[in-house]
Amino acid sequence: MKGSLVNAEIAEPYAQAMMSIAESHKITRLVEQDCKTVLQILKDSSELRAFISSPVIKDEDKKSVLNKILGKNTHQYFRNFVMLLIEKRRIALLEATCQRYIDLARKLTNTVLAKVTVTTEISEEQRSAISDKIKGLTGAESVEMEIGKDPDLIGGFIIKIGSQVFDASLRGQLRRISVSLSGTL
């Protein structure tokens, strides 16, 4: 945990620099999407994470591989930024930098990330209703939702926004009833 905090602190100025460049060229959303793409690729490939973090692999090899992976699907400024991280021997901070950039972009657009846990698939109407509820609770202009499934909830849902948890599940209600009953005995 401490290592990730240190990485986040070191990545902060890099993320802010990337944000500054993106804002000046009016490409904040494009770079945010590029960051999300890179995070997904790194999440899916532990081999790639190990490759780019390895101190024994030459910078030229890292550049070649990342250029092929990023290809034409990412903005040139973003690719240049990734190459700069390699040159500065900070490529191990790519994940933390991308995550911090996304956080900065959310703050800029007053967007919150809500992790929603449900029992089964939800419809667009339900998704919209949950989004509206989150906007009302947080005052955010928009909501990004990460939806996960947990059949043990029995019914309902749980919303986690930062450190706040809103438990509207049947399992949570049963737990609260159990605690309340055990307190009266």
N, C-alpha and C. Protein backbone atom coordinates (compact mmCIF):
# COMPACT_ATOMS: atom_id res chain seq x y z
N MET A 1 0.82 -1.20 0.00
CA MET A 1 0.00 0.00 0.00
C MET A 1 0.86 1.25 0.00
N LYS A 2 1.93 1.23 0.81
CA LYS A 2 2.80 2.40 0.88
C LYS A 2 3.43 2.68 -0.48
N GLY A 3 3.84 1.62 -1.19
CA GLY A 3 4.43 1.79 -2.51
C GLY A 3 3.49 2.47 -3.48
N SER A 4 2.22 2.14 -3.41
CA SER A 4 1.26 2.76 -4.32
C SER A 4 1.04 4.24 -3.97
N LEU A 5 1.13 4.59 -2.67
CA LEU A 5 1.03 5.99 -2.29
C LEU A 5 2.23 6.78 -2.79
N VAL A 6 3.40 6.20 -2.68
CA VAL A 6 4.61 6.86 -3.17
C VAL A 6 4.52 7.04 -4.68
N ASN A 7 4.10 5.99 -5.38
CA ASN A 7 3.93 6.09 -6.84
C ASN A 7 2.93 7.17 -7.21
N ALA A 8 1.82 7.25 -6.46
CA ALA A 8 0.81 8.27 -6.74
C ALA A 8 1.38 9.67 -6.55
N GLU A 9 2.19 9.85 -5.52
CA GLU A 9 2.80 11.16 -5.29
C GLU A 9 3.78 11.52 -6.39
N ILE A 10 4.57 10.56 -6.82
CA ILE A 10 5.54 10.82 -7.88
C ILE A 10 4.83 11.03 -9.22
N ALA A 11 3.74 10.31 -9.43
CA ALA A 11 3.00 10.40 -10.69
C ALA A 11 2.21 11.71 -10.81
N GLU A 12 1.90 12.32 -9.69
CA GLU A 12 1.07 13.54 -9.69
C GLU A 12 1.60 14.63 -10.63
N PRO A 13 2.88 15.04 -10.54
CA PRO A 13 3.33 16.10 -11.45
C PRO A 13 3.29 15.68 -12.92
N TYR A 14 3.51 14.41 -13.19
CA TYR A 14 3.43 13.93 -14.57
C TYR A 14 1.99 14.02 -15.08
N ALA A 15 1.05 13.63 -14.24
CA ALA A 15 -0.37 13.70 -14.62
C ALA A 15 -0.79 15.15 -14.81
N GLN A 16 -0.32 16.03 -13.95
CA GLN A 16 -0.67 17.45 -14.08
C GLN A 16 -0.06 18.04 -15.35
N ALA A 17 1.15 17.63 -15.67
CA ALA A 17 1.78 18.10 -16.91
C ALA A 17 1.00 17.62 -18.13
N MET A 18 0.59 16.35 -18.09
CA MET A 18 -0.20 15.82 -19.20
C MET A 18 -1.53 16.56 -19.31
N MET A 19 -2.14 16.88 -18.17
CA MET A 19 -3.40 17.62 -18.17
C MET A 19 -3.20 19.01 -18.75
N SER A 20 -2.13 19.65 -18.38
CA SER A 20 -1.83 21.00 -18.89
C SER A 20 -1.70 20.99 -20.42
N ILE A 21 -0.98 20.01 -20.93
CA ILE A 21 -0.81 19.88 -22.38
C ILE A 21 -2.17 19.60 -23.04
N ALA A 22 -2.92 18.68 -22.45
CA ALA A 22 -4.22 18.32 -23.02
C ALA A 22 -5.18 19.50 -23.02
N GLU A 23 -5.20 20.26 -21.93
CA GLU A 23 -6.09 21.43 -21.86
C GLU A 23 -5.69 22.48 -22.89
N SER A 24 -4.40 22.71 -23.03
CA SER A 24 -3.96 23.75 -23.98
C SER A 24 -4.28 23.37 -25.43
N HIS A 25 -4.37 22.07 -25.71
CA HIS A 25 -4.71 21.63 -27.07
C HIS A 25 -6.16 21.15 -27.19
N LYS A 26 -6.92 21.32 -26.10
CA LYS A 26 -8.34 20.96 -26.07
C LYS A 26 -8.57 19.48 -26.42
N ILE A 27 -7.76 18.63 -25.80
CA ILE A 27 -7.86 17.18 -26.05
C ILE A 27 -7.98 16.40 -24.73
N THR A 28 -8.52 17.03 -23.70
CA THR A 28 -8.57 16.37 -22.39
C THR A 28 -9.36 15.07 -22.45
N ARG A 29 -10.47 15.06 -23.17
CA ARG A 29 -11.28 13.84 -23.27
C ARG A 29 -10.55 12.75 -24.05
N LEU A 30 -9.87 13.13 -25.12
CA LEU A 30 -9.12 12.15 -25.91
C LEU A 30 -8.03 11.50 -25.07
N VAL A 31 -7.29 12.30 -24.33
CA VAL A 31 -6.22 11.77 -23.49
C VAL A 31 -6.80 10.93 -22.36
N GLU A 32 -7.94 11.36 -21.82
CA GLU A 32 -8.59 10.55 -20.79
C GLU A 32 -8.96 9.17 -21.33
N GLN A 33 -9.48 9.14 -22.54
CA GLN A 33 -9.82 7.85 -23.15
C GLN A 33 -8.57 7.03 -23.42
N ASP A 34 -7.49 7.68 -23.85
CA ASP A 34 -6.22 6.97 -24.05
C ASP A 34 -5.73 6.37 -22.74
N CYS A 35 -5.86 7.12 -21.65
CA CYS A 35 -5.44 6.63 -20.33
C CYS A 35 -6.28 5.42 -19.93
N LYS A 36 -7.57 5.48 -20.17
CA LYS A 36 -8.45 4.35 -19.82
C LYS A 36 -8.08 3.12 -20.64
N THR A 37 -7.76 3.32 -21.91
CA THR A 37 -7.35 2.22 -22.77
C THR A 37 -6.07 1.58 -22.25
N VAL A 38 -5.09 2.41 -21.91
CA VAL A 38 -3.82 1.89 -21.40
C VAL A 38 -4.03 1.14 -20.08
N LEU A 39 -4.85 1.70 -19.20
CA LEU A 39 -5.12 1.02 -17.92
C LEU A 39 -5.75 -0.35 -18.15
N GLN A 40 -6.66 -0.44 -19.11
CA GLN A 40 -7.31 -1.72 -19.40
C GLN A 40 -6.30 -2.71 -19.98
N ILE A 41 -5.43 -2.24 -20.86
CA ILE A 41 -4.40 -3.11 -21.45
C ILE A 41 -3.47 -3.62 -20.35
N LEU A 42 -3.04 -2.74 -19.47
CA LEU A 42 -2.14 -3.14 -18.38
C LEU A 42 -2.83 -4.06 -17.39
N LYS A 43 -4.12 -3.84 -17.17
CA LYS A 43 -4.88 -4.71 -16.27
C LYS A 43 -4.98 -6.12 -16.86
N ASP A 44 -5.15 -6.19 -18.17
CA ASP A 44 -5.32 -7.47 -18.84
C ASP A 44 -4.00 -8.22 -19.05
N SER A 45 -2.86 -7.53 -18.95
CA SER A 45 -1.59 -8.16 -19.28
C SER A 45 -0.54 -7.92 -18.19
N SER A 46 -0.39 -8.89 -17.32
CA SER A 46 0.65 -8.78 -16.29
C SER A 46 2.04 -8.87 -16.94
N GLU A 47 2.12 -9.57 -18.08
CA GLU A 47 3.39 -9.67 -18.79
C GLU A 47 3.84 -8.30 -19.28
N LEU A 48 2.91 -7.51 -19.81
CA LEU A 48 3.26 -6.17 -20.29
C LEU A 48 3.68 -5.28 -19.12
N ARG A 49 2.97 -5.37 -18.00
CA ARG A 49 3.35 -4.59 -16.82
C ARG A 49 4.78 -4.95 -16.39
N ALA A 50 5.08 -6.23 -16.37
CA ALA A 50 6.43 -6.67 -15.98
C ALA A 50 7.46 -6.19 -17.01
N PHE A 51 7.12 -6.26 -18.28
CA PHE A 51 8.02 -5.85 -19.36
C PHE A 51 8.39 -4.37 -19.23
N ILE A 52 7.39 -3.50 -19.10
CA ILE A 52 7.71 -2.06 -19.07
C ILE A 52 8.38 -1.64 -17.76
N SER A 53 8.17 -2.41 -16.70
CA SER A 53 8.79 -2.08 -15.41
C SER A 53 10.19 -2.64 -15.25
N SER A 54 10.56 -3.55 -16.12
CA SER A 54 11.86 -4.22 -15.99
C SER A 54 13.03 -3.27 -16.29
N PRO A 55 13.98 -3.18 -15.37
CA PRO A 55 15.13 -2.32 -15.60
C PRO A 55 16.15 -2.92 -16.59
N VAL A 56 16.04 -4.21 -16.88
CA VAL A 56 17.02 -4.84 -17.77
C VAL A 56 16.62 -4.74 -19.25
N ILE A 57 15.37 -4.38 -19.51
CA ILE A 57 14.93 -4.25 -20.90
C ILE A 57 15.27 -2.85 -21.39
N LYS A 58 15.85 -2.78 -22.58
CA LYS A 58 16.30 -1.52 -23.15
C LYS A 58 15.12 -0.59 -23.44
N ASP A 59 15.40 0.70 -23.29
CA ASP A 59 14.37 1.71 -23.55
C ASP A 59 13.85 1.63 -24.98
N GLU A 60 14.73 1.36 -25.93
CA GLU A 60 14.33 1.27 -27.33
C GLU A 60 13.31 0.14 -27.53
N ASP A 61 13.53 -0.98 -26.82
CA ASP A 61 12.60 -2.11 -26.93
C ASP A 61 11.25 -1.75 -26.32
N LYS A 62 11.28 -1.05 -25.20
CA LYS A 62 10.02 -0.61 -24.57
C LYS A 62 9.27 0.34 -25.49
N LYS A 63 10.01 1.28 -26.09
CA LYS A 63 9.38 2.23 -27.01
C LYS A 63 8.76 1.51 -28.20
N SER A 64 9.49 0.56 -28.75
CA SER A 64 9.00 -0.18 -29.90
C SER A 64 7.71 -0.93 -29.58
N VAL A 65 7.72 -1.64 -28.45
CA VAL A 65 6.54 -2.42 -28.07
C VAL A 65 5.35 -1.50 -27.77
N LEU A 66 5.58 -0.46 -26.99
CA LEU A 66 4.47 0.44 -26.65
C LEU A 66 3.95 1.20 -27.86
N ASN A 67 4.83 1.56 -28.79
CA ASN A 67 4.36 2.21 -30.02
C ASN A 67 3.47 1.28 -30.82
N LYS A 68 3.82 -0.01 -30.86
CA LYS A 68 2.99 -0.99 -31.58
C LYS A 68 1.64 -1.17 -30.88
N ILE A 69 1.68 -1.23 -29.55
CA ILE A 69 0.43 -1.43 -28.79
C ILE A 69 -0.46 -0.20 -28.90
N LEU A 70 0.12 0.98 -28.72
CA LEU A 70 -0.67 2.21 -28.75
C LEU A 70 -1.10 2.54 -30.17
N GLY A 71 -0.20 2.31 -31.12
CA GLY A 71 -0.52 2.50 -32.54
C GLY A 71 -1.14 3.83 -32.86
N LYS A 72 -1.95 3.82 -33.85
CA LYS A 72 -2.63 5.03 -34.32
C LYS A 72 -3.91 5.29 -33.53
N ASN A 73 -4.23 4.41 -32.59
CA ASN A 73 -5.48 4.56 -31.84
C ASN A 73 -5.38 5.56 -30.70
N THR A 74 -4.17 6.05 -30.41
CA THR A 74 -4.02 7.04 -29.36
C THR A 74 -3.51 8.34 -29.96
N HIS A 75 -3.77 9.41 -29.26
CA HIS A 75 -3.35 10.73 -29.74
C HIS A 75 -1.83 10.83 -29.70
N GLN A 76 -1.27 11.52 -30.66
CA GLN A 76 0.18 11.68 -30.78
C GLN A 76 0.80 12.27 -29.50
N TYR A 77 0.14 13.24 -28.90
CA TYR A 77 0.67 13.84 -27.66
C TYR A 77 0.74 12.82 -26.54
N PHE A 78 -0.24 11.95 -26.49
CA PHE A 78 -0.23 10.91 -25.46
C PHE A 78 0.92 9.94 -25.70
N ARG A 79 1.08 9.50 -26.95
CA ARG A 79 2.20 8.60 -27.28
C ARG A 79 3.53 9.26 -26.95
N ASN A 80 3.67 10.55 -27.29
CA ASN A 80 4.91 11.27 -26.97
C ASN A 80 5.14 11.29 -25.46
N PHE A 81 4.07 11.47 -24.71
CA PHE A 81 4.19 11.50 -23.26
C PHE A 81 4.67 10.16 -22.73
N VAL A 82 4.13 9.07 -23.26
CA VAL A 82 4.56 7.74 -22.84
C VAL A 82 6.04 7.53 -23.17
N MET A 83 6.46 7.99 -24.35
CA MET A 83 7.87 7.88 -24.73
C MET A 83 8.76 8.70 -23.78
N LEU A 84 8.27 9.86 -23.35
CA LEU A 84 9.01 10.68 -22.40
C LEU A 84 9.17 9.95 -21.06
N LEU A 85 8.12 9.27 -20.63
CA LEU A 85 8.21 8.50 -19.39
C LEU A 85 9.29 7.42 -19.51
N ILE A 86 9.39 6.81 -20.67
CA ILE A 86 10.44 5.80 -20.89
C ILE A 86 11.81 6.46 -20.80
N GLU A 87 11.99 7.58 -21.50
CA GLU A 87 13.27 8.26 -21.52
C GLU A 87 13.70 8.71 -20.13
N LYS A 88 12.74 9.14 -19.32
CA LYS A 88 13.04 9.62 -17.97
C LYS A 88 13.10 8.48 -16.95
N ARG A 89 12.98 7.26 -17.47
CA ARG A 89 12.99 6.06 -16.62
C ARG A 89 11.87 6.10 -15.57
N ARG A 90 10.72 6.58 -16.00
CA ARG A 90 9.54 6.67 -15.13
C ARG A 90 8.37 5.86 -15.70
N ILE A 91 8.65 4.99 -16.64
CA ILE A 91 7.57 4.24 -17.28
C ILE A 91 6.84 3.33 -16.29
N ALA A 92 7.49 2.96 -15.21
CA ALA A 92 6.82 2.15 -14.19
C ALA A 92 5.68 2.93 -13.54
N LEU A 93 5.68 4.25 -13.74
CA LEU A 93 4.62 5.10 -13.19
C LEU A 93 3.46 5.31 -14.16
N LEU A 94 3.50 4.63 -15.29
CA LEU A 94 2.46 4.83 -16.31
C LEU A 94 1.07 4.59 -15.75
N GLU A 95 0.88 3.48 -15.06
CA GLU A 95 -0.43 3.19 -14.48
C GLU A 95 -0.88 4.28 -13.52
N ALA A 96 -0.02 4.63 -12.59
CA ALA A 96 -0.36 5.64 -11.59
C ALA A 96 -0.61 7.00 -12.24
N THR A 97 0.19 7.33 -13.26
CA THR A 97 0.02 8.60 -13.95
C THR A 97 -1.31 8.64 -14.69
N CYS A 98 -1.63 7.56 -15.38
CA CYS A 98 -2.91 7.51 -16.10
C CYS A 98 -4.10 7.59 -15.14
N GLN A 99 -4.00 6.87 -14.03
CA GLN A 99 -5.09 6.90 -13.05
C GLN A 99 -5.25 8.30 -12.48
N ARG A 100 -4.15 8.94 -12.16
CA ARG A 100 -4.20 10.29 -11.60
C ARG A 100 -4.73 11.28 -12.64
N TYR A 101 -4.37 11.10 -13.91
CA TYR A 101 -4.90 11.97 -14.97
C TYR A 101 -6.41 11.83 -15.04
N ILE A 102 -6.90 10.60 -14.99
CA ILE A 102 -8.35 10.37 -15.04
C ILE A 102 -9.03 11.05 -13.86
N ASP A 103 -8.41 10.96 -12.68
CA ASP A 103 -8.97 11.64 -11.50
C ASP A 103 -9.03 13.15 -11.72
N LEU A 104 -7.97 13.72 -12.28
CA LEU A 104 -7.95 15.16 -12.57
C LEU A 104 -9.03 15.53 -13.59
N ALA A 105 -9.19 14.70 -14.61
CA ALA A 105 -10.21 14.96 -15.64
C ALA A 105 -11.62 14.90 -15.03
N ARG A 106 -11.83 13.96 -14.12
CA ARG A 106 -13.14 13.88 -13.46
C ARG A 106 -13.40 15.13 -12.63
N LYS A 107 -12.39 15.58 -11.93
CA LYS A 107 -12.54 16.78 -11.10
C LYS A 107 -12.84 17.98 -11.99
N LEU A 108 -12.16 18.07 -13.13
CA LEU A 108 -12.33 19.17 -14.06
C LEU A 108 -13.77 19.23 -14.60
N THR A 109 -14.36 18.06 -14.82
CA THR A 109 -15.71 18.01 -15.40
C THR A 109 -16.80 17.73 -14.37
N ASN A 110 -16.43 17.75 -13.07
CA ASN A 110 -17.38 17.48 -11.98
C ASN A 110 -18.09 16.14 -12.21
N THR A 111 -17.29 15.12 -12.44
CA THR A 111 -17.77 13.76 -12.66
C THR A 111 -17.35 12.89 -11.48
N VAL A 112 -18.26 12.04 -11.01
CA VAL A 112 -17.89 11.11 -9.95
C VAL A 112 -17.87 9.70 -10.50
N LEU A 113 -17.01 8.89 -9.89
CA LEU A 113 -16.95 7.47 -10.22
C LEU A 113 -17.73 6.72 -9.15
N ALA A 114 -18.72 5.98 -9.57
CA ALA A 114 -19.53 5.20 -8.64
C ALA A 114 -19.38 3.72 -8.98
N LYS A 115 -19.00 2.95 -7.97
CA LYS A 115 -18.91 1.51 -8.15
C LYS A 115 -20.23 0.94 -7.64
N VAL A 116 -21.00 0.38 -8.55
CA VAL A 116 -22.34 -0.11 -8.23
C VAL A 116 -22.31 -1.63 -8.29
N THR A 117 -22.74 -2.26 -7.21
CA THR A 117 -22.81 -3.72 -7.16
C THR A 117 -24.27 -4.11 -7.17
N VAL A 118 -24.65 -4.98 -8.08
CA VAL A 118 -26.03 -5.43 -8.24
C VAL A 118 -26.06 -6.96 -8.25
N THR A 119 -27.27 -7.52 -8.16
CA THR A 119 -27.39 -8.97 -8.18
C THR A 119 -27.42 -9.52 -9.60
N THR A 120 -28.08 -8.80 -10.50
CA THR A 120 -28.21 -9.24 -11.90
C THR A 120 -28.04 -8.03 -12.81
N GLU A 121 -28.10 -8.27 -14.11
CA GLU A 121 -28.02 -7.18 -15.08
C GLU A 121 -29.10 -6.14 -14.78
N ILE A 122 -28.77 -4.87 -15.03
CA ILE A 122 -29.77 -3.83 -14.84
C ILE A 122 -30.09 -3.19 -16.18
N SER A 123 -31.31 -2.70 -16.29
CA SER A 123 -31.76 -2.08 -17.54
C SER A 123 -31.21 -0.66 -17.64
N GLU A 124 -31.36 -0.07 -18.81
CA GLU A 124 -30.94 1.32 -19.02
C GLU A 124 -31.74 2.25 -18.12
N GLU A 125 -33.02 1.96 -17.92
CA GLU A 125 -33.85 2.79 -17.03
C GLU A 125 -33.32 2.74 -15.60
N GLN A 126 -32.95 1.55 -15.13
CA GLN A 126 -32.41 1.41 -13.78
C GLN A 126 -31.06 2.12 -13.68
N ARG A 127 -30.26 1.96 -14.70
CA ARG A 127 -28.95 2.62 -14.73
C ARG A 127 -29.13 4.14 -14.65
N SER A 128 -30.08 4.65 -15.41
CA SER A 128 -30.36 6.09 -15.42
C SER A 128 -30.88 6.56 -14.06
N ALA A 129 -31.75 5.76 -13.44
CA ALA A 129 -32.30 6.11 -12.13
C ALA A 129 -31.19 6.13 -11.07
N ILE A 130 -30.30 5.16 -11.12
CA ILE A 130 -29.18 5.12 -10.17
C ILE A 130 -28.27 6.32 -10.41
N SER A 131 -28.01 6.64 -11.67
CA SER A 131 -27.17 7.79 -12.00
C SER A 131 -27.78 9.07 -11.47
N ASP A 132 -29.09 9.24 -11.65
CA ASP A 132 -29.78 10.43 -11.14
C ASP A 132 -29.69 10.52 -9.62
N LYS A 133 -29.84 9.38 -8.95
CA LYS A 133 -29.74 9.33 -7.49
C LYS A 133 -28.34 9.75 -7.05
N ILE A 134 -27.32 9.25 -7.74
CA ILE A 134 -25.94 9.59 -7.40
C ILE A 134 -25.69 11.08 -7.62
N LYS A 135 -26.21 11.63 -8.71
CA LYS A 135 -26.07 13.07 -8.96
C LYS A 135 -26.69 13.87 -7.83
N GLY A 136 -27.86 13.42 -7.37
CA GLY A 136 -28.54 14.10 -6.27
C GLY A 136 -27.76 14.02 -4.97
N LEU A 137 -27.14 12.87 -4.72
CA LEU A 137 -26.37 12.68 -3.48
C LEU A 137 -25.07 13.48 -3.49
N THR A 138 -24.45 13.59 -4.66
CA THR A 138 -23.09 14.17 -4.72
C THR A 138 -23.05 15.58 -5.29
N GLY A 139 -24.08 15.99 -6.02
CA GLY A 139 -24.04 17.28 -6.69
C GLY A 139 -23.19 17.27 -7.95
N ALA A 140 -22.83 16.08 -8.41
CA ALA A 140 -22.00 15.95 -9.62
C ALA A 140 -22.82 16.25 -10.86
N GLU A 141 -22.12 16.70 -11.91
CA GLU A 141 -22.79 16.95 -13.18
C GLU A 141 -22.96 15.66 -13.98
N SER A 142 -22.02 14.75 -13.83
CA SER A 142 -22.14 13.47 -14.53
C SER A 142 -21.57 12.35 -13.66
N VAL A 143 -21.92 11.13 -14.05
CA VAL A 143 -21.55 9.96 -13.26
C VAL A 143 -20.96 8.90 -14.19
N GLU A 144 -19.83 8.35 -13.79
CA GLU A 144 -19.28 7.17 -14.44
C GLU A 144 -19.57 6.00 -13.52
N MET A 145 -20.15 4.96 -14.06
CA MET A 145 -20.49 3.80 -13.23
C MET A 145 -19.69 2.58 -13.64
N GLU A 146 -19.12 1.93 -12.64
CA GLU A 146 -18.53 0.61 -12.83
C GLU A 146 -19.50 -0.35 -12.17
N ILE A 147 -20.09 -1.23 -12.98
CA ILE A 147 -21.11 -2.13 -12.47
C ILE A 147 -20.50 -3.51 -12.25
N GLY A 148 -20.68 -4.02 -11.05
CA GLY A 148 -20.23 -5.36 -10.71
C GLY A 148 -21.42 -6.19 -10.23
N LYS A 149 -21.28 -7.49 -10.30
CA LYS A 149 -22.38 -8.38 -9.89
C LYS A 149 -21.97 -9.16 -8.64
N ASP A 150 -22.94 -9.31 -7.73
CA ASP A 150 -22.76 -10.12 -6.54
C ASP A 150 -24.11 -10.75 -6.21
N PRO A 151 -24.31 -12.01 -6.62
CA PRO A 151 -25.60 -12.65 -6.38
C PRO A 151 -25.94 -12.83 -4.89
N ASP A 152 -24.93 -12.70 -4.01
CA ASP A 152 -25.17 -12.83 -2.58
C ASP A 152 -25.93 -11.63 -2.00
N LEU A 153 -26.09 -10.57 -2.77
CA LEU A 153 -26.83 -9.41 -2.28
C LEU A 153 -28.32 -9.72 -2.12
N ILE A 154 -28.79 -10.76 -2.76
CA ILE A 154 -30.19 -11.21 -2.77
C ILE A 154 -31.04 -10.28 -3.63
N GLY A 155 -30.96 -9.01 -3.43
CA GLY A 155 -31.71 -8.03 -4.20
C GLY A 155 -31.19 -6.65 -3.87
N GLY A 156 -31.58 -5.66 -4.65
CA GLY A 156 -31.12 -4.30 -4.40
C GLY A 156 -29.74 -4.04 -4.98
N PHE A 157 -29.04 -3.07 -4.40
CA PHE A 157 -27.72 -2.70 -4.91
C PHE A 157 -26.92 -1.99 -3.82
N ILE A 158 -25.61 -1.88 -4.07
CA ILE A 158 -24.71 -1.14 -3.20
C ILE A 158 -23.96 -0.14 -4.09
N ILE A 159 -23.91 1.10 -3.65
CA ILE A 159 -23.19 2.14 -4.38
C ILE A 159 -22.01 2.58 -3.53
N LYS A 160 -20.83 2.59 -4.12
CA LYS A 160 -19.63 3.08 -3.42
C LYS A 160 -19.07 4.24 -4.22
N ILE A 161 -18.98 5.40 -3.57
CA ILE A 161 -18.42 6.59 -4.17
C ILE A 161 -17.29 7.05 -3.25
N GLY A 162 -16.07 6.84 -3.69
CA GLY A 162 -14.94 7.15 -2.82
C GLY A 162 -15.00 6.27 -1.59
N SER A 163 -15.06 6.88 -0.42
CA SER A 163 -15.14 6.11 0.83
C SER A 163 -16.57 5.97 1.33
N GLN A 164 -17.52 6.59 0.65
CA GLN A 164 -18.93 6.50 1.05
C GLN A 164 -19.57 5.26 0.45
N VAL A 165 -20.36 4.57 1.27
CA VAL A 165 -21.07 3.38 0.81
C VAL A 165 -22.55 3.55 1.11
N PHE A 166 -23.37 3.36 0.09
CA PHE A 166 -24.82 3.41 0.24
C PHE A 166 -25.34 2.00 -0.04
N ASP A 167 -25.77 1.33 1.01
CA ASP A 167 -26.19 -0.06 0.91
C ASP A 167 -27.71 -0.15 0.86
N ALA A 168 -28.23 -0.41 -0.34
CA ALA A 168 -29.67 -0.58 -0.52
C ALA A 168 -29.96 -2.02 -0.94
N SER A 169 -29.18 -2.96 -0.38
CA SER A 169 -29.37 -4.36 -0.73
C SER A 169 -30.19 -5.07 0.34
N LEU A 170 -30.81 -6.17 -0.04
CA LEU A 170 -31.55 -6.96 0.94
C LEU A 170 -30.61 -7.56 1.97
N ARG A 171 -29.43 -7.97 1.54
CA ARG A 171 -28.44 -8.52 2.48
C ARG A 171 -28.09 -7.46 3.54
N GLY A 172 -27.91 -6.22 3.11
CA GLY A 172 -27.60 -5.14 4.03
C GLY A 172 -28.75 -4.87 4.99
N GLN A 173 -29.96 -4.92 4.47
CA GLN A 173 -31.14 -4.70 5.32
C GLN A 173 -31.27 -5.82 6.35
N LEU A 174 -31.02 -7.06 5.92
CA LEU A 174 -31.08 -8.19 6.86
C LEU A 174 -30.00 -8.07 7.93
N ARG A 175 -28.82 -7.62 7.54
CA ARG A 175 -27.72 -7.44 8.49
C ARG A 175 -28.09 -6.36 9.52
N ARG A 176 -28.70 -5.26 9.05
CA ARG A 176 -29.09 -4.19 9.97
C ARG A 176 -30.18 -4.66 10.92
N ILE A 177 -31.11 -5.45 10.44
CA ILE A 177 -32.17 -6.00 11.31
C ILE A 177 -31.55 -6.93 12.35
N SER A 178 -30.61 -7.75 11.91
CA SER A 178 -29.95 -8.69 12.83
C SER A 178 -29.21 -7.93 13.93
N VAL A 179 -28.48 -6.89 13.57
CA VAL A 179 -27.76 -6.10 14.56
C VAL A 179 -28.73 -5.43 15.52
N SER A 180 -29.82 -4.93 14.96
CA SER A 180 -30.83 -4.25 15.79
C SER A 180 -31.48 -5.22 16.76
N LEU A 181 -31.77 -6.45 16.30
CA LEU A 181 -32.40 -7.45 17.16
C LEU A 181 -31.42 -7.95 18.23
N SER A 182 -30.15 -8.13 17.84
CA SER A 182 -29.18 -8.61 18.82
C SER A 182 -28.89 -7.56 19.89
N GLY A 183 -29.10 -6.31 19.56
CA GLY A 183 -28.89 -5.23 20.54
C GLY A 183 -30.01 -5.14 21.56
N THR A 184 -31.17 -5.66 21.22
CA THR A 184 -32.32 -5.58 22.15
C THR A 184 -32.41 -6.78 23.05
N LEU A 185 -31.62 -7.82 22.78
CA LEU A 185 -31.69 -9.02 23.62
C LEU A 185 -30.89 -8.90 24.87
